[in-house]
Amino acid sequence: MITSITYIAVQIYENLHLGQFCPVTEATSRFQTCQFALLPSPSTAFLTLLSQAPNVVNTHAGMLEVHFDDLQRFIAVSDGLPRFQEAAKLFKRRTKQNEEENHDYDY
């Protein structure tokens, strides 16, 4: 049997303050529901493991607090978000141009 991962389901947490994250995001706060996403396997290269298990700050609300090292990693990625977005735009544009060039040569 040959298997592969096509999508990974992840729960979305929103950063509230410093290292505290809440499972009910601003987008779903009106309904008090959690948000999930399906990530295609190539995008999992950006996922990272936490150095330590987060502390549960509020069990009723499901709020988590991450370790200082993980918070520093989160801040670094958040600060670099505009670069990731620009790189994704450039990659998409380049892919589209390559497809158009290859289409021109199809007879």
N, C-alpha and C. Protein backbone atom coordinates (compact mmCIF):
# COMPACT_ATOMS: atom_id res chain seq x y z
N MET A 1 0.84 -1.17 0.00
CA MET A 1 0.00 0.00 0.00
C MET A 1 0.89 1.24 0.00
N ILE A 2 0.54 2.21 -0.82
CA ILE A 2 1.25 3.48 -0.87
C ILE A 2 0.29 4.57 -0.43
N THR A 3 0.71 5.39 0.50
CA THR A 3 -0.15 6.47 0.98
C THR A 3 0.63 7.78 0.97
N SER A 4 -0.13 8.87 0.98
CA SER A 4 0.49 10.18 1.10
C SER A 4 -0.49 11.12 1.77
N ILE A 5 0.03 12.16 2.35
CA ILE A 5 -0.81 13.17 2.99
C ILE A 5 -1.14 14.22 1.94
N THR A 6 -2.43 14.46 1.75
CA THR A 6 -2.83 15.49 0.79
C THR A 6 -3.22 16.78 1.50
N TYR A 7 -3.91 16.66 2.61
CA TYR A 7 -4.30 17.83 3.39
C TYR A 7 -4.10 17.55 4.87
N ILE A 8 -3.76 18.58 5.60
CA ILE A 8 -3.62 18.47 7.05
C ILE A 8 -4.61 19.44 7.67
N ALA A 9 -5.45 18.94 8.58
CA ALA A 9 -6.42 19.80 9.27
C ALA A 9 -5.74 20.42 10.48
N VAL A 10 -5.87 21.73 10.60
CA VAL A 10 -5.28 22.45 11.73
C VAL A 10 -6.33 23.36 12.35
N GLN A 11 -6.25 23.55 13.65
CA GLN A 11 -7.14 24.49 14.33
C GLN A 11 -6.46 25.85 14.36
N ILE A 12 -7.24 26.89 14.08
CA ILE A 12 -6.72 28.25 14.04
C ILE A 12 -6.84 28.89 15.42
N TYR A 13 -5.76 29.45 15.91
CA TYR A 13 -5.76 30.21 17.16
C TYR A 13 -5.37 31.65 16.82
N GLU A 14 -5.99 32.60 17.49
CA GLU A 14 -5.67 34.01 17.27
C GLU A 14 -4.83 34.53 18.42
N ASN A 15 -3.78 35.26 18.09
CA ASN A 15 -2.91 35.85 19.10
C ASN A 15 -3.64 37.02 19.75
N LEU A 16 -3.82 36.94 21.07
CA LEU A 16 -4.50 38.00 21.79
C LEU A 16 -3.52 39.03 22.34
N HIS A 17 -2.54 38.53 23.08
CA HIS A 17 -1.57 39.41 23.72
C HIS A 17 -0.33 38.60 24.06
N LEU A 18 0.81 39.08 23.63
CA LEU A 18 2.07 38.38 23.86
C LEU A 18 1.93 36.91 23.50
N GLY A 19 2.11 36.02 24.47
CA GLY A 19 2.09 34.59 24.16
C GLY A 19 0.74 33.92 24.34
N GLN A 20 -0.34 34.70 24.49
CA GLN A 20 -1.66 34.11 24.70
C GLN A 20 -2.44 34.01 23.40
N PHE A 21 -3.00 32.83 23.16
CA PHE A 21 -3.73 32.54 21.94
C PHE A 21 -5.11 32.00 22.29
N CYS A 22 -6.12 32.40 21.53
CA CYS A 22 -7.50 32.01 21.79
C CYS A 22 -8.04 31.21 20.59
N PRO A 23 -8.76 30.11 20.85
CA PRO A 23 -9.28 29.31 19.74
C PRO A 23 -10.47 29.95 19.02
N VAL A 24 -11.15 30.89 19.68
CA VAL A 24 -12.27 31.59 19.04
C VAL A 24 -11.71 32.86 18.43
N THR A 25 -11.61 32.89 17.11
CA THR A 25 -11.00 34.03 16.43
C THR A 25 -12.01 35.16 16.26
N GLU A 26 -11.52 36.33 15.91
CA GLU A 26 -12.40 37.47 15.68
C GLU A 26 -13.43 37.16 14.60
N ALA A 27 -13.02 36.41 13.59
CA ALA A 27 -13.92 36.07 12.49
C ALA A 27 -15.09 35.19 12.94
N THR A 28 -14.89 34.39 13.98
CA THR A 28 -15.96 33.47 14.42
C THR A 28 -16.50 33.84 15.80
N SER A 29 -16.13 34.99 16.34
CA SER A 29 -16.50 35.34 17.71
C SER A 29 -18.01 35.50 17.89
N ARG A 30 -18.70 35.98 16.88
CA ARG A 30 -20.15 36.16 17.00
C ARG A 30 -20.86 34.84 17.28
N PHE A 31 -20.34 33.76 16.71
CA PHE A 31 -20.96 32.45 16.89
C PHE A 31 -20.28 31.62 17.98
N GLN A 32 -19.19 32.13 18.55
CA GLN A 32 -18.42 31.42 19.57
C GLN A 32 -18.01 30.03 19.10
N THR A 33 -17.50 29.96 17.88
CA THR A 33 -17.05 28.68 17.33
C THR A 33 -15.56 28.76 17.03
N CYS A 34 -14.95 27.61 16.96
CA CYS A 34 -13.54 27.52 16.60
C CYS A 34 -13.42 27.49 15.08
N GLN A 35 -12.25 27.83 14.59
CA GLN A 35 -12.02 27.86 13.15
C GLN A 35 -10.94 26.84 12.80
N PHE A 36 -11.14 26.14 11.70
CA PHE A 36 -10.20 25.13 11.24
C PHE A 36 -9.82 25.42 9.79
N ALA A 37 -8.70 24.89 9.36
CA ALA A 37 -8.26 25.05 7.97
C ALA A 37 -7.68 23.73 7.49
N LEU A 38 -7.82 23.49 6.20
CA LEU A 38 -7.18 22.35 5.56
C LEU A 38 -6.01 22.87 4.74
N LEU A 39 -4.83 22.49 5.13
CA LEU A 39 -3.62 22.93 4.44
C LEU A 39 -3.15 21.86 3.48
N PRO A 40 -2.90 22.23 2.20
CA PRO A 40 -2.33 21.24 1.28
C PRO A 40 -0.92 20.87 1.74
N SER A 41 -0.50 19.67 1.48
CA SER A 41 0.77 19.18 2.02
C SER A 41 1.99 20.04 1.70
N PRO A 42 2.12 20.68 0.51
CA PRO A 42 3.31 21.51 0.31
C PRO A 42 3.40 22.69 1.28
N SER A 43 2.26 23.20 1.75
CA SER A 43 2.31 24.35 2.64
C SER A 43 2.73 23.96 4.05
N THR A 44 2.77 22.67 4.37
CA THR A 44 3.15 22.26 5.72
C THR A 44 4.63 22.49 5.98
N ALA A 45 5.38 22.87 4.96
CA ALA A 45 6.79 23.20 5.17
C ALA A 45 6.92 24.40 6.09
N PHE A 46 5.86 25.22 6.18
CA PHE A 46 5.89 26.40 7.04
C PHE A 46 5.42 26.10 8.46
N LEU A 47 4.88 24.90 8.69
CA LEU A 47 4.47 24.54 10.04
C LEU A 47 5.72 24.30 10.88
N THR A 48 5.61 24.58 12.15
CA THR A 48 6.74 24.37 13.03
C THR A 48 6.26 23.71 14.31
N LEU A 49 7.13 22.99 14.95
CA LEU A 49 6.79 22.36 16.22
C LEU A 49 7.10 23.31 17.36
N LEU A 50 6.27 23.25 18.40
CA LEU A 50 6.54 24.05 19.59
C LEU A 50 7.65 23.37 20.38
N SER A 51 8.47 24.17 21.04
CA SER A 51 9.55 23.60 21.83
C SER A 51 9.03 22.96 23.11
N GLN A 52 7.90 23.47 23.61
CA GLN A 52 7.27 22.91 24.80
C GLN A 52 5.76 22.97 24.63
N ALA A 53 5.07 22.11 25.34
CA ALA A 53 3.59 22.14 25.28
C ALA A 53 3.11 23.46 25.87
N PRO A 54 2.12 24.10 25.24
CA PRO A 54 1.61 25.36 25.78
C PRO A 54 0.84 25.13 27.08
N ASN A 55 0.80 26.16 27.91
CA ASN A 55 0.03 26.11 29.15
C ASN A 55 -1.41 26.51 28.85
N VAL A 56 -2.35 25.82 29.47
CA VAL A 56 -3.76 26.20 29.33
C VAL A 56 -4.02 27.30 30.35
N VAL A 57 -4.35 28.49 29.85
CA VAL A 57 -4.56 29.66 30.71
C VAL A 57 -5.99 29.67 31.25
N ASN A 58 -6.94 29.34 30.39
CA ASN A 58 -8.35 29.36 30.75
C ASN A 58 -8.98 28.12 30.13
N THR A 59 -9.29 27.13 30.95
CA THR A 59 -9.82 25.88 30.41
C THR A 59 -11.19 26.06 29.78
N HIS A 60 -12.01 26.95 30.31
CA HIS A 60 -13.34 27.16 29.75
C HIS A 60 -13.26 27.75 28.34
N ALA A 61 -12.40 28.75 28.18
CA ALA A 61 -12.27 29.41 26.87
C ALA A 61 -11.28 28.70 25.97
N GLY A 62 -10.49 27.77 26.51
CA GLY A 62 -9.50 27.06 25.70
C GLY A 62 -8.29 27.89 25.34
N MET A 63 -8.03 28.94 26.11
CA MET A 63 -6.89 29.83 25.81
C MET A 63 -5.58 29.15 26.19
N LEU A 64 -4.59 29.36 25.33
CA LEU A 64 -3.26 28.77 25.52
C LEU A 64 -2.22 29.86 25.66
N GLU A 65 -1.16 29.55 26.37
CA GLU A 65 -0.02 30.45 26.47
C GLU A 65 1.22 29.66 26.08
N VAL A 66 1.94 30.16 25.09
CA VAL A 66 3.12 29.44 24.60
C VAL A 66 4.36 29.85 25.38
N HIS A 67 5.37 28.99 25.33
CA HIS A 67 6.65 29.23 25.98
C HIS A 67 7.35 30.42 25.31
N PHE A 68 8.23 31.08 26.02
CA PHE A 68 8.92 32.27 25.52
C PHE A 68 9.65 32.01 24.20
N ASP A 69 10.33 30.87 24.08
CA ASP A 69 11.05 30.54 22.83
C ASP A 69 10.09 30.44 21.65
N ASP A 70 8.93 29.84 21.88
CA ASP A 70 7.93 29.72 20.82
C ASP A 70 7.32 31.07 20.48
N LEU A 71 7.16 31.93 21.48
CA LEU A 71 6.66 33.28 21.23
C LEU A 71 7.65 34.05 20.35
N GLN A 72 8.94 33.90 20.61
CA GLN A 72 9.95 34.57 19.79
C GLN A 72 9.88 34.09 18.34
N ARG A 73 9.67 32.79 18.14
CA ARG A 73 9.54 32.23 16.80
C ARG A 73 8.29 32.79 16.12
N PHE A 74 7.18 32.89 16.87
CA PHE A 74 5.94 33.44 16.34
C PHE A 74 6.13 34.89 15.91
N ILE A 75 6.81 35.67 16.74
CA ILE A 75 7.05 37.09 16.42
C ILE A 75 7.90 37.21 15.17
N ALA A 76 8.93 36.37 15.05
CA ALA A 76 9.80 36.43 13.87
C ALA A 76 9.02 36.11 12.60
N VAL A 77 8.17 35.10 12.65
CA VAL A 77 7.37 34.74 11.47
C VAL A 77 6.35 35.85 11.18
N SER A 78 5.72 36.39 12.22
CA SER A 78 4.74 37.46 12.03
C SER A 78 5.38 38.69 11.42
N ASP A 79 6.58 39.03 11.88
CA ASP A 79 7.29 40.19 11.32
C ASP A 79 7.65 39.97 9.86
N GLY A 80 7.90 38.71 9.49
CA GLY A 80 8.27 38.40 8.11
C GLY A 80 7.08 38.13 7.21
N LEU A 81 5.85 38.25 7.73
CA LEU A 81 4.66 37.96 6.94
C LEU A 81 4.58 38.75 5.64
N PRO A 82 4.86 40.06 5.64
CA PRO A 82 4.81 40.79 4.37
C PRO A 82 5.76 40.20 3.31
N ARG A 83 6.91 39.69 3.74
CA ARG A 83 7.85 39.08 2.80
C ARG A 83 7.28 37.78 2.24
N PHE A 84 6.64 36.99 3.10
CA PHE A 84 6.00 35.75 2.64
C PHE A 84 4.91 36.06 1.62
N GLN A 85 4.11 37.08 1.91
CA GLN A 85 3.02 37.45 1.01
C GLN A 85 3.57 37.92 -0.33
N GLU A 86 4.61 38.72 -0.31
CA GLU A 86 5.21 39.21 -1.55
C GLU A 86 5.82 38.05 -2.35
N ALA A 87 6.49 37.14 -1.64
CA ALA A 87 7.07 35.97 -2.31
C ALA A 87 5.98 35.12 -2.95
N ALA A 88 4.86 34.96 -2.26
CA ALA A 88 3.75 34.17 -2.82
C ALA A 88 3.20 34.84 -4.07
N LYS A 89 3.08 36.16 -4.07
CA LYS A 89 2.59 36.90 -5.25
C LYS A 89 3.55 36.72 -6.42
N LEU A 90 4.85 36.87 -6.15
CA LEU A 90 5.84 36.73 -7.20
C LEU A 90 5.85 35.30 -7.77
N PHE A 91 5.73 34.31 -6.88
CA PHE A 91 5.71 32.92 -7.32
C PHE A 91 4.48 32.66 -8.19
N LYS A 92 3.34 33.18 -7.77
CA LYS A 92 2.11 32.99 -8.54
C LYS A 92 2.23 33.65 -9.91
N ARG A 93 2.79 34.86 -9.95
CA ARG A 93 2.98 35.58 -11.22
C ARG A 93 3.93 34.80 -12.12
N ARG A 94 5.03 34.31 -11.53
CA ARG A 94 6.02 33.56 -12.31
C ARG A 94 5.42 32.27 -12.86
N THR A 95 4.63 31.58 -12.04
CA THR A 95 3.99 30.34 -12.48
C THR A 95 3.02 30.63 -13.62
N LYS A 96 2.27 31.70 -13.49
CA LYS A 96 1.31 32.07 -14.53
C LYS A 96 2.03 32.40 -15.84
N GLN A 97 3.15 33.13 -15.75
CA GLN A 97 3.92 33.47 -16.95
C GLN A 97 4.48 32.22 -17.61
N ASN A 98 4.98 31.29 -16.81
CA ASN A 98 5.51 30.03 -17.35
C ASN A 98 4.41 29.24 -18.05
N GLU A 99 3.23 29.22 -17.47
CA GLU A 99 2.11 28.50 -18.09
C GLU A 99 1.74 29.15 -19.42
N GLU A 100 1.73 30.49 -19.47
CA GLU A 100 1.40 31.19 -20.71
C GLU A 100 2.45 30.93 -21.78
N GLU A 101 3.73 30.94 -21.38
CA GLU A 101 4.80 30.67 -22.34
C GLU A 101 4.71 29.25 -22.88
N ASN A 102 4.43 28.29 -21.99
CA ASN A 102 4.30 26.91 -22.43
C ASN A 102 3.06 26.72 -23.30
N HIS A 103 2.03 27.46 -23.04
CA HIS A 103 0.80 27.37 -23.83
C HIS A 103 1.04 27.92 -25.24
N ASP A 104 1.89 28.96 -25.37
CA ASP A 104 2.20 29.54 -26.67
C ASP A 104 2.87 28.52 -27.60
N TYR A 105 3.62 27.58 -27.03
CA TYR A 105 4.35 26.61 -27.84
C TYR A 105 3.51 25.38 -28.16
N ASP A 106 2.34 25.24 -27.54
CA ASP A 106 1.47 24.10 -27.85
C ASP A 106 0.76 24.36 -29.17
N TYR A 107 0.86 23.42 -30.09
CA TYR A 107 0.21 23.59 -31.41
C TYR A 107 -0.90 22.60 -31.57
